[in-house]
Amino acid sequence: MFVCHLFVHLMAVSIDPADYNVRAKSYHGPVPVFDRTKHAHVIENCHCYLCEVDV
């Protein structure tokens, strides 16, 4: 039972949940400040306005 739990735990912590577009983009500067006067939410219409990628 312990071996099964250990295997599942290692699989769960090794999977990267980030979208492929976010992982593929290189970020060299700081994340921009989110302006709520332009957009109500960070992600709208499957586009992240902080990362500037489609998710």
PDB file of N, CA and C in Angstrom:
ATOM      1  N   MET A   1       0.826  -1.191   0.000  1.00  0.00           N
ATOM      2  CA  MET A   1       0.000   0.000   0.000  1.00  0.00           C
ATOM      3  C   MET A   1       0.872   1.256   0.000  1.00  0.00           C
ATOM      4  N   PHE A   2       1.940   1.231   0.798  1.00  0.00           N
ATOM      5  CA  PHE A   2       2.822   2.387   0.871  1.00  0.00           C
ATOM      6  C   PHE A   2       3.505   2.653  -0.463  1.00  0.00           C
ATOM      7  N   VAL A   3       3.909   1.595  -1.155  1.00  0.00           N
ATOM      8  CA  VAL A   3       4.586   1.748  -2.449  1.00  0.00           C
ATOM      9  C   VAL A   3       3.639   2.373  -3.464  1.00  0.00           C
ATOM     10  N   CYS A   4       2.393   1.957  -3.455  1.00  0.00           N
ATOM     11  CA  CYS A   4       1.391   2.538  -4.358  1.00  0.00           C
ATOM     12  C   CYS A   4       1.194   4.015  -4.048  1.00  0.00           C
ATOM     13  N   HIS A   5       1.072   4.352  -2.781  1.00  0.00           N
ATOM     14  CA  HIS A   5       0.908   5.747  -2.385  1.00  0.00           C
ATOM     15  C   HIS A   5       2.131   6.567  -2.788  1.00  0.00           C
ATOM     16  N   LEU A   6       3.313   6.034  -2.575  1.00  0.00           N
ATOM     17  CA  LEU A   6       4.542   6.736  -2.935  1.00  0.00           C
ATOM     18  C   LEU A   6       4.616   6.975  -4.440  1.00  0.00           C
ATOM     19  N   PHE A   7       4.257   5.977  -5.222  1.00  0.00           N
ATOM     20  CA  PHE A   7       4.262   6.121  -6.677  1.00  0.00           C
ATOM     21  C   PHE A   7       3.287   7.205  -7.134  1.00  0.00           C
ATOM     22  N   VAL A   8       2.068   7.176  -6.629  1.00  0.00           N
ATOM     23  CA  VAL A   8       1.061   8.177  -7.007  1.00  0.00           C
ATOM     24  C   VAL A   8       1.491   9.564  -6.539  1.00  0.00           C
ATOM     25  N   HIS A   9       2.062   9.662  -5.359  1.00  0.00           N
ATOM     26  CA  HIS A   9       2.526  10.951  -4.844  1.00  0.00           C
ATOM     27  C   HIS A   9       3.636  11.521  -5.726  1.00  0.00           C
ATOM     28  N   LEU A  10       4.595  10.706  -6.106  1.00  0.00           N
ATOM     29  CA  LEU A  10       5.687  11.174  -6.969  1.00  0.00           C
ATOM     30  C   LEU A  10       5.177  11.594  -8.346  1.00  0.00           C
ATOM     31  N   MET A  11       4.212  10.888  -8.868  1.00  0.00           N
ATOM     32  CA  MET A  11       3.623  11.277 -10.155  1.00  0.00           C
ATOM     33  C   MET A  11       2.887  12.611 -10.029  1.00  0.00           C
ATOM     34  N   ALA A  12       2.173  12.804  -8.931  1.00  0.00           N
ATOM     35  CA  ALA A  12       1.398  14.032  -8.749  1.00  0.00           C
ATOM     36  C   ALA A  12       2.291  15.257  -8.597  1.00  0.00           C
ATOM     37  N   VAL A  13       3.407  15.125  -7.920  1.00  0.00           N
ATOM     38  CA  VAL A  13       4.269  16.291  -7.711  1.00  0.00           C
ATOM     39  C   VAL A  13       5.206  16.537  -8.891  1.00  0.00           C
ATOM     40  N   SER A  14       5.324  15.588  -9.811  1.00  0.00           N
ATOM     41  CA  SER A  14       6.222  15.782 -10.948  1.00  0.00           C
ATOM     42  C   SER A  14       5.521  16.335 -12.180  1.00  0.00           C
ATOM     43  N   ILE A  15       4.195  16.341 -12.200  1.00  0.00           N
ATOM     44  CA  ILE A  15       3.450  16.849 -13.351  1.00  0.00           C
ATOM     45  C   ILE A  15       3.346  18.366 -13.252  1.00  0.00           C
ATOM     46  N   ASP A  16       3.711  19.057 -14.330  1.00  0.00           N
ATOM     47  CA  ASP A  16       3.627  20.517 -14.378  1.00  0.00           C
ATOM     48  C   ASP A  16       2.237  20.908 -14.887  1.00  0.00           C
ATOM     49  N   PRO A  17       1.416  21.597 -14.086  1.00  0.00           N
ATOM     50  CA  PRO A  17       0.056  21.916 -14.506  1.00  0.00           C
ATOM     51  C   PRO A  17      -0.043  23.129 -15.438  1.00  0.00           C
ATOM     52  N   ALA A  18       1.064  23.778 -15.723  1.00  0.00           N
ATOM     53  CA  ALA A  18       1.029  24.979 -16.561  1.00  0.00           C
ATOM     54  C   ALA A  18       0.663  24.617 -17.999  1.00  0.00           C
ATOM     55  N   ASP A  19      -0.032  25.526 -18.647  1.00  0.00           N
ATOM     56  CA  ASP A  19      -0.379  25.359 -20.049  1.00  0.00           C
ATOM     57  C   ASP A  19       0.891  25.368 -20.897  1.00  0.00           C
ATOM     58  N   TYR A  20       0.850  24.671 -22.029  1.00  0.00           N
ATOM     59  CA  TYR A  20       2.037  24.589 -22.887  1.00  0.00           C
ATOM     60  C   TYR A  20       2.482  25.973 -23.367  1.00  0.00           C
ATOM     61  N   ASN A  21       1.537  26.857 -23.691  1.00  0.00           N
ATOM     62  CA  ASN A  21       1.889  28.200 -24.165  1.00  0.00           C
ATOM     63  C   ASN A  21       2.622  29.000 -23.097  1.00  0.00           C
ATOM     64  N   VAL A  22       2.269  28.815 -21.852  1.00  0.00           N
ATOM     65  CA  VAL A  22       2.935  29.525 -20.757  1.00  0.00           C
ATOM     66  C   VAL A  22       4.346  28.979 -20.563  1.00  0.00           C
ATOM     67  N   ARG A  23       4.504  27.660 -20.637  1.00  0.00           N
ATOM     68  CA  ARG A  23       5.834  27.059 -20.480  1.00  0.00           C
ATOM     69  C   ARG A  23       6.738  27.389 -21.651  1.00  0.00           C
ATOM     70  N   ALA A  24       6.185  27.516 -22.859  1.00  0.00           N
ATOM     71  CA  ALA A  24       6.994  27.750 -24.055  1.00  0.00           C
ATOM     72  C   ALA A  24       7.509  29.183 -24.141  1.00  0.00           C
ATOM     73  N   LYS A  25       6.798  30.135 -23.546  1.00  0.00           N
ATOM     74  CA  LYS A  25       7.204  31.538 -23.636  1.00  0.00           C
ATOM     75  C   LYS A  25       8.326  31.825 -22.639  1.00  0.00           C
ATOM     76  N   SER A  26       9.307  32.589 -23.086  1.00  0.00           N
ATOM     77  CA  SER A  26      10.405  32.955 -22.181  1.00  0.00           C
ATOM     78  C   SER A  26      10.094  34.312 -21.555  1.00  0.00           C
ATOM     79  N   TYR A  27      10.278  34.398 -20.266  1.00  0.00           N
ATOM     80  CA  TYR A  27       9.994  35.618 -19.520  1.00  0.00           C
ATOM     81  C   TYR A  27      11.307  36.188 -19.005  1.00  0.00           C
ATOM     82  N   HIS A  28      11.677  37.358 -19.503  1.00  0.00           N
ATOM     83  CA  HIS A  28      12.939  37.960 -19.082  1.00  0.00           C
ATOM     84  C   HIS A  28      12.735  39.108 -18.106  1.00  0.00           C
ATOM     85  N   GLY A  29      11.574  39.703 -18.122  1.00  0.00           N
ATOM     86  CA  GLY A  29      11.318  40.834 -17.241  1.00  0.00           C
ATOM     87  C   GLY A  29      10.277  40.497 -16.196  1.00  0.00           C
ATOM     88  N   PRO A  30       9.963  41.451 -15.358  1.00  0.00           N
ATOM     89  CA  PRO A  30       8.934  41.220 -14.334  1.00  0.00           C
ATOM     90  C   PRO A  30       7.536  41.161 -14.957  1.00  0.00           C
ATOM     91  N   VAL A  31       6.621  40.542 -14.244  1.00  0.00           N
ATOM     92  CA  VAL A  31       5.235  40.463 -14.695  1.00  0.00           C
ATOM     93  C   VAL A  31       4.629  41.858 -14.611  1.00  0.00           C
ATOM     94  N   PRO A  32       3.931  42.309 -15.650  1.00  0.00           N
ATOM     95  CA  PRO A  32       3.350  43.651 -15.606  1.00  0.00           C
ATOM     96  C   PRO A  32       2.242  43.765 -14.561  1.00  0.00           C
ATOM     97  N   VAL A  33       1.972  44.972 -14.141  1.00  0.00           N
ATOM     98  CA  VAL A  33       0.901  45.232 -13.177  1.00  0.00           C
ATOM     99  C   VAL A  33      -0.431  45.132 -13.912  1.00  0.00           C
ATOM    100  N   PHE A  34      -1.386  44.437 -13.310  1.00  0.00           N
ATOM    101  CA  PHE A  34      -2.693  44.256 -13.935  1.00  0.00           C
ATOM    102  C   PHE A  34      -3.544  45.491 -13.716  1.00  0.00           C
ATOM    103  N   ASP A  35      -4.081  46.047 -14.798  1.00  0.00           N
ATOM    104  CA  ASP A  35      -4.903  47.254 -14.750  1.00  0.00           C
ATOM    105  C   ASP A  35      -6.375  46.854 -14.831  1.00  0.00           C
ATOM    106  N   ARG A  36      -7.090  46.974 -13.718  1.00  0.00           N
ATOM    107  CA  ARG A  36      -8.503  46.576 -13.678  1.00  0.00           C
ATOM    108  C   ARG A  36      -9.419  47.555 -14.413  1.00  0.00           C
ATOM    109  N   THR A  37      -8.930  48.703 -14.809  1.00  0.00           N
ATOM    110  CA  THR A  37      -9.771  49.614 -15.588  1.00  0.00           C
ATOM    111  C   THR A  37      -9.910  49.129 -17.033  1.00  0.00           C
ATOM    112  N   LYS A  38      -8.958  48.322 -17.499  1.00  0.00           N
ATOM    113  CA  LYS A  38      -9.017  47.797 -18.868  1.00  0.00           C
ATOM    114  C   LYS A  38      -9.737  46.453 -18.937  1.00  0.00           C
ATOM    115  N   HIS A  39      -9.481  45.586 -17.942  1.00  0.00           N
ATOM    116  CA  HIS A  39     -10.054  44.242 -17.942  1.00  0.00           C
ATOM    117  C   HIS A  39     -10.538  43.904 -16.535  1.00  0.00           C
ATOM    118  N   ALA A  40     -11.673  43.209 -16.459  1.00  0.00           N
ATOM    119  CA  ALA A  40     -12.231  42.836 -15.152  1.00  0.00           C
ATOM    120  C   ALA A  40     -11.485  41.659 -14.531  1.00  0.00           C
ATOM    121  N   HIS A  41     -10.969  40.766 -15.370  1.00  0.00           N
ATOM    122  CA  HIS A  41     -10.284  39.568 -14.882  1.00  0.00           C
ATOM    123  C   HIS A  41      -8.950  39.414 -15.598  1.00  0.00           C
ATOM    124  N   VAL A  42      -8.038  38.689 -14.977  1.00  0.00           N
ATOM    125  CA  VAL A  42      -6.725  38.458 -15.582  1.00  0.00           C
ATOM    126  C   VAL A  42      -6.876  37.630 -16.853  1.00  0.00           C
ATOM    127  N   ILE A  43      -7.720  36.596 -16.810  1.00  0.00           N
ATOM    128  CA  ILE A  43      -7.951  35.755 -17.989  1.00  0.00           C
ATOM    129  C   ILE A  43      -9.360  36.010 -18.494  1.00  0.00           C
ATOM    130  N   GLU A  44      -9.454  36.481 -19.724  1.00  0.00           N
ATOM    131  CA  GLU A  44     -10.737  36.708 -20.390  1.00  0.00           C
ATOM    132  C   GLU A  44     -10.637  36.162 -21.803  1.00  0.00           C
ATOM    133  N   ASN A  45     -11.683  35.484 -22.256  1.00  0.00           N
ATOM    134  CA  ASN A  45     -11.737  34.917 -23.604  1.00  0.00           C
ATOM    135  C   ASN A  45     -10.518  34.054 -23.899  1.00  0.00           C
ATOM    136  N   CYS A  46     -10.121  33.250 -22.929  1.00  0.00           N
ATOM    137  CA  CYS A  46      -8.983  32.317 -23.050  1.00  0.00           C
ATOM    138  C   CYS A  46      -7.669  33.030 -23.351  1.00  0.00           C
ATOM    139  N   HIS A  47      -7.506  34.252 -22.875  1.00  0.00           N
ATOM    140  CA  HIS A  47      -6.256  35.003 -23.044  1.00  0.00           C
ATOM    141  C   HIS A  47      -5.840  35.568 -21.691  1.00  0.00           C
ATOM    142  N   CYS A  48      -4.597  35.299 -21.297  1.00  0.00           N
ATOM    143  CA  CYS A  48      -4.063  35.826 -20.044  1.00  0.00           C
ATOM    144  C   CYS A  48      -3.404  37.168 -20.333  1.00  0.00           C
ATOM    145  N   TYR A  49      -3.866  38.200 -19.664  1.00  0.00           N
ATOM    146  CA  TYR A  49      -3.343  39.540 -19.913  1.00  0.00           C
ATOM    147  C   TYR A  49      -2.064  39.831 -19.140  1.00  0.00           C
ATOM    148  N   LEU A  50      -1.691  38.994 -18.177  1.00  0.00           N
ATOM    149  CA  LEU A  50      -0.400  39.149 -17.503  1.00  0.00           C
ATOM    150  C   LEU A  50       0.702  38.442 -18.281  1.00  0.00           C
ATOM    151  N   CYS A  51       0.422  37.227 -18.722  1.00  0.00           N
ATOM    152  CA  CYS A  51       1.424  36.442 -19.457  1.00  0.00           C
ATOM    153  C   CYS A  51       1.446  36.778 -20.943  1.00  0.00           C
ATOM    154  N   GLU A  52       0.359  37.382 -21.434  1.00  0.00           N
ATOM    155  CA  GLU A  52       0.191  37.686 -22.856  1.00  0.00           C
ATOM    156  C   GLU A  52       0.241  36.418 -23.709  1.00  0.00           C
ATOM    157  N   VAL A  53      -0.448  35.362 -23.261  1.00  0.00           N
ATOM    158  CA  VAL A  53      -0.550  34.118 -24.024  1.00  0.00           C
ATOM    159  C   VAL A  53      -1.994  33.641 -24.014  1.00  0.00           C
ATOM    160  N   ASP A  54      -2.338  32.854 -25.014  1.00  0.00           N
ATOM    161  CA  ASP A  54      -3.648  32.214 -25.050  1.00  0.00           C
ATOM    162  C   ASP A  54      -3.581  30.920 -24.257  1.00  0.00           C
ATOM    163  N   VAL A  55      -4.567  30.732 -23.401  1.00  0.00           N
ATOM    164  CA  VAL A  55      -4.607  29.518 -22.574  1.00  0.00           C
ATOM    165  C   VAL A  55      -5.880  28.750 -22.830  1.00  0.00           C
TER     166      VAL A  55
END
